[in-house]
Amino acid sequence: MRIDVPAREVLRQSFWLGAASDGTPGIMREPRMGRLADCIAALRPAIAAAGRDYDDRCLVLALTAITAHLAAEADDAQLASTIFRSCARLLELADALPTADAVPRQ
């Protein structure tokens, strides 16, 4: 897990809040997302440290299980379910597009 990617970039890849008229991604304009970005920035080093003992697949499955459990425990299962569906669609779209390193430079 790379922790050098800014938390707002992680949010941008996970949520779409629309784009401003100047093309600025919506996530950059949404002040409520600042708290979430702070939380992501605080959690990622601990997750990365734990991930050194486990492979990426195990880490993804563990975080998914923890997220689902916490959402149910916090009585926020509907919100988590919506986020999981949204992220699944984004991952499917990302999988269909070529990666930056697969596109030849001109």
Protein backbone atom coordinates (compact mmCIF):
# COMPACT_ATOMS: atom_id res chain seq x y z
CA MET A 1 0.00 0.00 0.00
CA ARG A 2 1.40 3.35 -1.03
CA ILE A 3 1.04 6.07 1.57
CA ASP A 4 2.66 8.74 -0.59
CA VAL A 5 -0.59 9.30 -2.50
CA PRO A 6 -2.43 12.30 -0.99
CA ALA A 7 -5.62 11.51 0.91
CA ARG A 8 -7.62 13.79 -1.40
CA GLU A 9 -6.44 11.71 -4.36
CA VAL A 10 -7.70 8.59 -2.59
CA LEU A 11 -11.04 10.35 -2.14
CA ARG A 12 -11.08 11.49 -5.77
CA GLN A 13 -10.64 7.89 -6.89
CA SER A 14 -13.40 6.67 -4.58
CA PHE A 15 -16.10 9.36 -4.75
CA TRP A 16 -17.38 11.62 -7.48
CA LEU A 17 -19.11 14.77 -6.32
CA GLY A 18 -19.36 16.44 -9.70
CA ALA A 19 -17.00 18.89 -11.30
CA ALA A 20 -16.89 22.65 -10.92
CA SER A 21 -17.43 24.81 -13.99
CA ASP A 22 -13.66 25.35 -14.14
CA GLY A 23 -13.12 21.57 -14.31
CA THR A 24 -11.93 21.27 -10.70
CA PRO A 25 -13.02 17.87 -9.36
CA GLY A 26 -15.98 18.18 -7.00
CA ILE A 27 -14.11 16.45 -4.21
CA MET A 28 -11.75 19.42 -4.03
CA ARG A 29 -14.69 21.79 -3.50
CA GLU A 30 -16.54 19.79 -0.83
CA PRO A 31 -15.55 21.09 2.63
CA ARG A 32 -17.20 18.18 4.49
CA MET A 33 -14.80 15.81 2.79
CA GLY A 34 -11.87 17.47 4.58
CA ARG A 35 -12.65 15.53 7.76
CA LEU A 36 -12.76 12.31 5.77
CA ALA A 37 -9.45 13.18 4.08
CA ASP A 38 -7.92 13.80 7.53
CA CYS A 39 -9.19 10.41 8.73
CA ILE A 40 -7.77 8.66 5.66
CA ALA A 41 -4.41 10.38 6.12
CA ALA A 42 -4.29 9.29 9.77
CA LEU A 43 -5.32 5.66 9.12
CA ARG A 44 -3.24 4.83 6.05
CA PRO A 45 0.18 4.60 7.78
CA ALA A 46 -1.22 2.11 10.32
CA ILE A 47 -2.89 0.09 7.57
CA ALA A 48 0.30 0.13 5.51
CA ALA A 49 2.29 -1.06 8.53
CA ALA A 50 -0.13 -3.94 9.10
CA GLY A 51 -0.02 -4.69 5.39
CA ARG A 52 3.69 -5.45 5.55
CA ASP A 53 2.79 -8.75 7.23
CA TYR A 54 0.03 -9.66 4.76
CA ASP A 55 -0.36 -9.66 1.00
CA ASP A 56 -2.52 -7.06 -0.74
CA ARG A 57 -5.40 -9.45 -1.34
CA CYS A 58 -5.59 -10.39 2.34
CA LEU A 59 -5.45 -6.71 3.31
CA VAL A 60 -8.25 -5.79 0.90
CA LEU A 61 -10.46 -8.60 2.20
CA ALA A 62 -9.72 -7.74 5.83
CA LEU A 63 -10.50 -4.04 5.32
CA THR A 64 -13.71 -4.91 3.48
CA ALA A 65 -14.80 -7.21 6.32
CA ILE A 66 -13.91 -4.60 8.95
CA THR A 67 -15.77 -1.89 7.01
CA ALA A 68 -18.92 -4.02 6.65
CA HIS A 69 -18.81 -5.04 10.32
CA LEU A 70 -18.27 -1.46 11.53
CA ALA A 71 -21.07 -0.17 9.31
CA ALA A 72 -23.51 -2.73 10.71
CA GLU A 73 -22.29 -2.05 14.25
CA ALA A 74 -22.76 1.72 13.75
CA ASP A 75 -26.21 1.14 12.21
CA ASP A 76 -24.97 2.62 8.93
CA ALA A 77 -25.22 -0.52 6.78
CA GLN A 78 -27.29 1.20 4.07
CA LEU A 79 -24.69 3.93 3.61
CA ALA A 80 -21.84 1.41 3.50
CA SER A 81 -23.77 -0.71 1.00
CA THR A 82 -24.25 2.32 -1.25
CA ILE A 83 -20.56 3.19 -1.01
CA PHE A 84 -19.53 -0.41 -1.78
CA ARG A 85 -21.74 -0.41 -4.90
CA SER A 86 -20.35 2.95 -6.03
CA CYS A 87 -16.75 1.86 -5.48
CA ALA A 88 -17.42 -1.42 -7.29
CA ARG A 89 -18.65 0.52 -10.33
CA LEU A 90 -15.57 2.78 -10.21
CA LEU A 91 -13.28 -0.26 -9.97
CA GLU A 92 -15.00 -1.88 -12.94
CA LEU A 93 -14.56 1.31 -14.96
CA ALA A 94 -10.92 1.59 -13.94
CA ASP A 95 -10.35 -2.03 -14.93
CA ALA A 96 -11.72 -1.32 -18.41
CA LEU A 97 -9.40 1.66 -18.99
CA PRO A 98 -5.71 1.40 -19.81
CA THR A 99 -3.36 2.33 -16.99
CA ALA A 100 -1.13 5.39 -17.34
CA ASP A 101 1.96 3.22 -17.79
CA ALA A 102 0.24 1.18 -20.53
CA VAL A 103 -0.36 4.25 -22.72
CA PRO A 104 2.62 4.91 -25.01
CA ARG A 105 4.28 8.29 -24.54
CA GLN A 106 4.54 10.58 -27.53
